[in-house]
């Protein structure tokens, strides 16, 4: 099972940017889908963006146009570029990797806090 480690979270002012990284413990070339989720206090975990092994992407309406998901197979890393951040983006951000029938792995999360 692949291990995922997120990094890049922190405190940022509203309107600012952050880039999250999700480092995998093995090659991500064969991973079917990699995704970013977030969970704010007392809210359900929310799917933000997904990218397939063929680099096809999908975004939640709440982040479309502000967030960009990408993957670097050579570095075994998934990214989330977040621009125009808002206080309501404050949450713990998680990455997920799915290989159907093999594994469905989550990282431990990284905190993002956006001040107003």
N, C-alpha and C. Protein backbone atom coordinates (compact mmCIF):
# COMPACT_ATOMS: atom_id res chain seq x y z
N UNK A 1 0.85 -1.19 0.00
CA UNK A 1 0.00 0.00 0.00
C UNK A 1 0.88 1.23 0.00
N UNK A 2 0.59 2.18 -0.89
CA UNK A 2 1.40 3.39 -0.98
C UNK A 2 1.18 4.26 0.25
N UNK A 3 2.25 4.86 0.74
CA UNK A 3 2.17 5.83 1.84
C UNK A 3 2.19 7.23 1.25
N UNK A 4 1.33 8.10 1.77
CA UNK A 4 1.23 9.47 1.26
C UNK A 4 1.52 10.45 2.39
N UNK A 5 2.32 11.47 2.09
CA UNK A 5 2.66 12.49 3.08
C UNK A 5 2.42 13.87 2.48
N UNK A 6 1.47 14.60 3.07
CA UNK A 6 1.18 15.95 2.62
C UNK A 6 2.10 16.95 3.30
N UNK A 7 2.35 18.05 2.60
CA UNK A 7 3.12 19.17 3.18
C UNK A 7 2.72 20.44 2.46
N UNK A 8 3.15 21.57 3.02
CA UNK A 8 2.90 22.85 2.37
C UNK A 8 1.80 23.67 2.98
N UNK A 9 1.11 23.11 3.97
CA UNK A 9 0.07 23.88 4.63
C UNK A 9 0.65 24.97 5.51
N UNK A 10 -0.23 25.80 6.02
CA UNK A 10 0.23 26.88 6.90
C UNK A 10 -0.81 27.97 7.02
N UNK A 11 -0.37 29.09 7.54
CA UNK A 11 -1.23 30.26 7.73
C UNK A 11 -0.96 31.26 6.61
N UNK A 12 -2.01 31.72 5.97
CA UNK A 12 -1.87 32.67 4.87
C UNK A 12 -3.00 33.69 4.97
N UNK A 13 -2.74 34.90 4.51
CA UNK A 13 -3.79 35.91 4.49
C UNK A 13 -4.75 35.67 3.33
N UNK A 14 -5.96 36.13 3.50
CA UNK A 14 -6.94 36.03 2.42
C UNK A 14 -6.41 36.67 1.15
N UNK A 15 -6.65 36.02 0.02
CA UNK A 15 -6.12 36.50 -1.25
C UNK A 15 -4.77 35.93 -1.60
N UNK A 16 -4.15 35.26 -0.64
CA UNK A 16 -2.82 34.70 -0.86
C UNK A 16 -2.86 33.33 -1.53
N UNK A 17 -1.68 32.74 -1.63
CA UNK A 17 -1.53 31.45 -2.31
C UNK A 17 -0.71 30.48 -1.47
N UNK A 18 -0.97 29.21 -1.69
CA UNK A 18 -0.18 28.13 -1.12
C UNK A 18 -0.10 27.01 -2.14
N UNK A 19 0.97 26.23 -2.08
CA UNK A 19 1.06 25.03 -2.88
C UNK A 19 1.26 23.84 -1.96
N UNK A 20 0.31 22.93 -2.00
CA UNK A 20 0.41 21.71 -1.23
C UNK A 20 1.08 20.62 -2.06
N UNK A 21 1.82 19.78 -1.37
CA UNK A 21 2.46 18.62 -2.01
C UNK A 21 2.02 17.35 -1.31
N UNK A 22 1.99 16.27 -2.05
CA UNK A 22 1.66 14.96 -1.50
C UNK A 22 2.69 13.99 -2.07
N UNK A 23 3.64 13.61 -1.24
CA UNK A 23 4.71 12.73 -1.67
C UNK A 23 4.32 11.28 -1.45
N UNK A 24 4.49 10.47 -2.49
CA UNK A 24 4.14 9.05 -2.40
C UNK A 24 5.40 8.22 -2.17
N UNK A 25 5.20 7.09 -1.51
CA UNK A 25 6.33 6.23 -1.15
C UNK A 25 6.78 5.32 -2.29
N UNK A 26 6.03 5.35 -3.39
CA UNK A 26 6.40 4.54 -4.54
C UNK A 26 5.93 5.25 -5.80
N UNK A 27 6.23 4.68 -6.93
CA UNK A 27 5.86 5.30 -8.20
C UNK A 27 4.36 5.53 -8.29
N UNK A 28 4.00 6.73 -8.77
CA UNK A 28 2.58 7.05 -8.93
C UNK A 28 2.13 6.86 -10.37
N UNK A 29 3.03 6.37 -11.21
CA UNK A 29 2.71 6.26 -12.62
C UNK A 29 1.45 5.42 -12.85
N UNK A 30 1.31 4.35 -12.08
CA UNK A 30 0.19 3.42 -12.29
C UNK A 30 -1.04 3.75 -11.46
N UNK A 31 -0.96 4.80 -10.65
CA UNK A 31 -2.11 5.14 -9.81
C UNK A 31 -3.21 5.72 -10.69
N UNK A 32 -4.37 5.12 -10.63
CA UNK A 32 -5.46 5.47 -11.52
C UNK A 32 -5.94 6.90 -11.29
N UNK A 33 -6.21 7.21 -10.03
CA UNK A 33 -6.72 8.53 -9.69
C UNK A 33 -6.07 9.03 -8.42
N UNK A 34 -5.66 10.28 -8.44
CA UNK A 34 -5.18 10.95 -7.23
C UNK A 34 -6.04 12.18 -7.01
N UNK A 35 -6.34 12.43 -5.74
CA UNK A 35 -7.30 13.48 -5.42
C UNK A 35 -6.87 14.28 -4.21
N UNK A 36 -7.43 15.47 -4.11
CA UNK A 36 -7.32 16.31 -2.91
C UNK A 36 -8.71 16.48 -2.30
N UNK A 37 -8.77 16.32 -1.00
CA UNK A 37 -9.97 16.54 -0.22
C UNK A 37 -9.64 17.56 0.87
N UNK A 38 -10.66 18.07 1.50
CA UNK A 38 -10.46 18.88 2.69
C UNK A 38 -11.61 18.64 3.66
N UNK A 39 -11.32 18.90 4.93
CA UNK A 39 -12.34 18.77 5.96
C UNK A 39 -12.20 19.90 6.95
N UNK A 40 -13.23 20.72 7.03
CA UNK A 40 -13.28 21.80 8.00
C UNK A 40 -13.95 21.28 9.27
N UNK A 41 -13.73 21.95 10.40
CA UNK A 41 -14.33 21.51 11.66
C UNK A 41 -15.85 21.36 11.53
N UNK A 42 -16.34 20.23 12.00
CA UNK A 42 -17.77 19.94 12.03
C UNK A 42 -18.40 19.87 10.65
N UNK A 43 -17.59 19.66 9.63
CA UNK A 43 -18.11 19.50 8.28
C UNK A 43 -17.63 18.17 7.70
N UNK A 44 -18.33 17.70 6.67
CA UNK A 44 -17.94 16.47 6.01
C UNK A 44 -16.72 16.71 5.13
N UNK A 45 -15.98 15.62 4.91
CA UNK A 45 -14.84 15.71 4.01
C UNK A 45 -15.36 15.99 2.59
N UNK A 46 -14.67 16.93 1.92
CA UNK A 46 -15.13 17.44 0.62
C UNK A 46 -14.09 17.15 -0.45
N UNK A 47 -14.53 16.56 -1.56
CA UNK A 47 -13.64 16.34 -2.70
C UNK A 47 -13.42 17.66 -3.42
N UNK A 48 -12.15 18.02 -3.63
CA UNK A 48 -11.83 19.29 -4.27
C UNK A 48 -11.42 19.11 -5.72
N UNK A 49 -10.54 18.14 -5.97
CA UNK A 49 -9.98 17.99 -7.31
C UNK A 49 -9.42 16.59 -7.47
N UNK A 50 -9.50 16.10 -8.71
CA UNK A 50 -8.95 14.78 -9.02
C UNK A 50 -8.18 14.86 -10.32
N UNK A 51 -7.20 13.95 -10.44
CA UNK A 51 -6.42 13.86 -11.68
C UNK A 51 -6.17 12.38 -11.96
N UNK A 52 -6.40 11.98 -13.20
CA UNK A 52 -6.19 10.59 -13.56
C UNK A 52 -4.75 10.36 -14.00
N UNK A 53 -4.42 9.11 -14.27
CA UNK A 53 -3.06 8.80 -14.72
C UNK A 53 -2.79 9.39 -16.10
N UNK A 54 -3.85 9.76 -16.80
CA UNK A 54 -3.71 10.40 -18.11
C UNK A 54 -3.81 11.92 -18.02
N UNK A 55 -3.77 12.41 -16.76
CA UNK A 55 -3.79 13.86 -16.47
C UNK A 55 -5.09 14.54 -16.79
N UNK A 56 -6.17 13.79 -16.85
CA UNK A 56 -7.49 14.40 -16.95
C UNK A 56 -7.90 14.88 -15.56
N UNK A 57 -8.41 16.11 -15.49
CA UNK A 57 -8.71 16.72 -14.19
C UNK A 57 -10.19 17.05 -14.04
N UNK A 58 -10.61 17.09 -12.77
CA UNK A 58 -11.95 17.55 -12.42
C UNK A 58 -11.86 18.35 -11.13
N UNK A 59 -12.72 19.35 -11.02
CA UNK A 59 -12.70 20.24 -9.87
C UNK A 59 -14.10 20.44 -9.29
N UNK A 60 -14.14 20.64 -7.98
CA UNK A 60 -15.37 21.05 -7.34
C UNK A 60 -15.67 22.49 -7.72
N UNK A 61 -16.94 22.81 -7.76
CA UNK A 61 -17.34 24.17 -8.14
C UNK A 61 -16.72 25.21 -7.22
N UNK A 62 -16.57 24.84 -5.95
CA UNK A 62 -16.10 25.80 -4.95
C UNK A 62 -14.65 26.25 -5.18
N UNK A 63 -13.88 25.45 -5.94
CA UNK A 63 -12.46 25.79 -6.12
C UNK A 63 -12.07 25.96 -7.58
N UNK A 64 -12.98 25.68 -8.49
CA UNK A 64 -12.66 25.77 -9.91
C UNK A 64 -12.25 27.19 -10.27
N UNK A 65 -11.14 27.30 -10.98
CA UNK A 65 -10.61 28.61 -11.35
C UNK A 65 -9.64 29.19 -10.34
N UNK A 66 -9.62 28.63 -9.14
CA UNK A 66 -8.68 29.11 -8.10
C UNK A 66 -7.61 28.07 -7.77
N UNK A 67 -7.98 26.79 -7.81
CA UNK A 67 -7.07 25.70 -7.46
C UNK A 67 -6.70 24.93 -8.71
N UNK A 68 -5.46 24.43 -8.73
CA UNK A 68 -4.99 23.61 -9.84
C UNK A 68 -4.31 22.36 -9.30
N UNK A 69 -4.77 21.20 -9.75
CA UNK A 69 -4.17 19.94 -9.36
C UNK A 69 -3.21 19.50 -10.45
N UNK A 70 -2.10 18.92 -10.04
CA UNK A 70 -1.13 18.41 -11.01
C UNK A 70 -0.36 17.26 -10.37
N UNK A 71 0.29 16.48 -11.21
CA UNK A 71 1.08 15.36 -10.71
C UNK A 71 2.40 15.31 -11.47
N UNK A 72 3.45 14.98 -10.76
CA UNK A 72 4.78 14.84 -11.35
C UNK A 72 5.18 13.38 -11.14
N UNK A 73 5.01 12.57 -12.15
CA UNK A 73 5.30 11.15 -12.01
C UNK A 73 6.78 10.89 -11.72
N UNK A 74 7.64 11.75 -12.24
CA UNK A 74 9.08 11.56 -12.01
C UNK A 74 9.45 11.77 -10.55
N UNK A 75 8.70 12.64 -9.87
CA UNK A 75 8.98 12.93 -8.45
C UNK A 75 8.01 12.19 -7.53
N UNK A 76 7.12 11.40 -8.10
CA UNK A 76 6.12 10.67 -7.29
C UNK A 76 5.35 11.61 -6.37
N UNK A 77 4.95 12.74 -6.90
CA UNK A 77 4.34 13.78 -6.08
C UNK A 77 3.10 14.36 -6.76
N UNK A 78 2.10 14.59 -5.94
CA UNK A 78 0.86 15.26 -6.34
C UNK A 78 0.89 16.66 -5.76
N UNK A 79 0.37 17.63 -6.50
CA UNK A 79 0.37 19.02 -6.04
C UNK A 79 -1.04 19.60 -6.08
N UNK A 80 -1.23 20.63 -5.26
CA UNK A 80 -2.43 21.45 -5.34
C UNK A 80 -2.00 22.90 -5.19
N UNK A 81 -2.05 23.64 -6.28
CA UNK A 81 -1.78 25.07 -6.25
C UNK A 81 -3.07 25.79 -5.90
N UNK A 82 -3.03 26.56 -4.82
CA UNK A 82 -4.23 27.25 -4.34
C UNK A 82 -4.00 28.74 -4.39
N UNK A 83 -4.79 29.43 -5.18
CA UNK A 83 -4.70 30.88 -5.33
C UNK A 83 -5.97 31.54 -4.84
N UNK A 84 -5.90 32.84 -4.62
CA UNK A 84 -7.07 33.62 -4.18
C UNK A 84 -7.76 32.96 -3.00
N UNK A 85 -6.98 32.59 -2.01
CA UNK A 85 -7.52 31.87 -0.86
C UNK A 85 -8.48 32.74 -0.06
N UNK A 86 -9.49 32.06 0.49
CA UNK A 86 -10.52 32.73 1.28
C UNK A 86 -10.56 32.10 2.68
N UNK A 87 -11.08 32.83 3.67
CA UNK A 87 -11.18 32.24 5.01
C UNK A 87 -11.95 30.92 5.01
N UNK A 88 -12.92 30.79 4.14
CA UNK A 88 -13.70 29.53 4.09
C UNK A 88 -12.91 28.37 3.51
N UNK A 89 -11.71 28.60 3.01
CA UNK A 89 -10.84 27.51 2.58
C UNK A 89 -10.09 26.88 3.75
N UNK A 90 -10.23 27.45 4.93
CA UNK A 90 -9.57 26.91 6.11
C UNK A 90 -10.07 25.50 6.40
N UNK A 91 -9.13 24.56 6.47
CA UNK A 91 -9.48 23.16 6.67
C UNK A 91 -8.20 22.33 6.75
N UNK A 92 -8.36 21.06 7.06
CA UNK A 92 -7.27 20.10 6.89
C UNK A 92 -7.40 19.51 5.50
N UNK A 93 -6.30 19.52 4.77
CA UNK A 93 -6.29 19.04 3.38
C UNK A 93 -5.62 17.68 3.31
N UNK A 94 -6.26 16.77 2.59
CA UNK A 94 -5.80 15.39 2.47
C UNK A 94 -5.62 15.01 1.00
N UNK A 95 -4.64 14.17 0.74
CA UNK A 95 -4.54 13.58 -0.59
C UNK A 95 -4.94 12.11 -0.51
N UNK A 96 -5.35 11.59 -1.65
CA UNK A 96 -5.84 10.23 -1.74
C UNK A 96 -5.35 9.62 -3.05
N UNK A 97 -5.00 8.35 -2.98
CA UNK A 97 -4.54 7.62 -4.17
C UNK A 97 -5.33 6.33 -4.29
N UNK A 98 -5.85 6.08 -5.49
CA UNK A 98 -6.67 4.89 -5.71
C UNK A 98 -6.08 4.08 -6.87
N UNK A 99 -5.83 2.83 -6.57
CA UNK A 99 -5.59 1.82 -7.61
C UNK A 99 -6.66 0.76 -7.39
N UNK A 100 -7.69 0.71 -8.19
CA UNK A 100 -8.79 -0.20 -7.96
C UNK A 100 -8.33 -1.64 -7.79
N UNK A 101 -8.82 -2.25 -6.72
CA UNK A 101 -8.47 -3.63 -6.42
C UNK A 101 -7.12 -3.81 -5.77
N UNK A 102 -6.37 -2.71 -5.62
CA UNK A 102 -5.03 -2.79 -5.03
C UNK A 102 -4.99 -2.01 -3.72
N UNK A 103 -5.31 -0.74 -3.78
CA UNK A 103 -5.36 0.05 -2.55
C UNK A 103 -6.15 1.33 -2.75
N UNK A 104 -6.53 1.91 -1.62
CA UNK A 104 -7.20 3.20 -1.54
C UNK A 104 -6.56 3.88 -0.32
N UNK A 105 -5.57 4.73 -0.58
CA UNK A 105 -4.73 5.27 0.49
C UNK A 105 -4.97 6.75 0.70
N UNK A 106 -4.84 7.15 1.96
CA UNK A 106 -4.98 8.56 2.36
C UNK A 106 -3.72 9.02 3.08
N UNK A 107 -3.42 10.30 2.94
CA UNK A 107 -2.37 10.89 3.74
C UNK A 107 -2.91 11.30 5.10
N UNK A 108 -2.02 11.86 5.93
CA UNK A 108 -2.40 12.22 7.30
C UNK A 108 -3.00 13.62 7.38
N UNK A 109 -2.87 14.39 6.32
CA UNK A 109 -3.46 15.73 6.27
C UNK A 109 -2.47 16.84 6.61
N UNK A 110 -2.76 18.02 6.08
CA UNK A 110 -1.98 19.22 6.39
C UNK A 110 -2.95 20.37 6.60
N UNK A 111 -2.72 21.16 7.65
CA UNK A 111 -3.64 22.23 8.01
C UNK A 111 -3.39 23.47 7.15
N UNK A 112 -4.47 24.02 6.63
CA UNK A 112 -4.42 25.31 5.92
C UNK A 112 -5.35 26.26 6.67
N UNK A 113 -4.81 27.41 7.05
CA UNK A 113 -5.60 28.42 7.74
C UNK A 113 -5.48 29.74 6.98
N UNK A 114 -6.63 30.28 6.61
CA UNK A 114 -6.67 31.53 5.85
C UNK A 114 -7.29 32.61 6.73
N UNK A 115 -6.53 33.65 6.98
CA UNK A 115 -7.02 34.74 7.83
C UNK A 115 -7.72 35.79 6.98
N UNK A 116 -8.66 36.48 7.62
CA UNK A 116 -9.43 37.51 6.89
C UNK A 116 -8.76 38.86 7.01
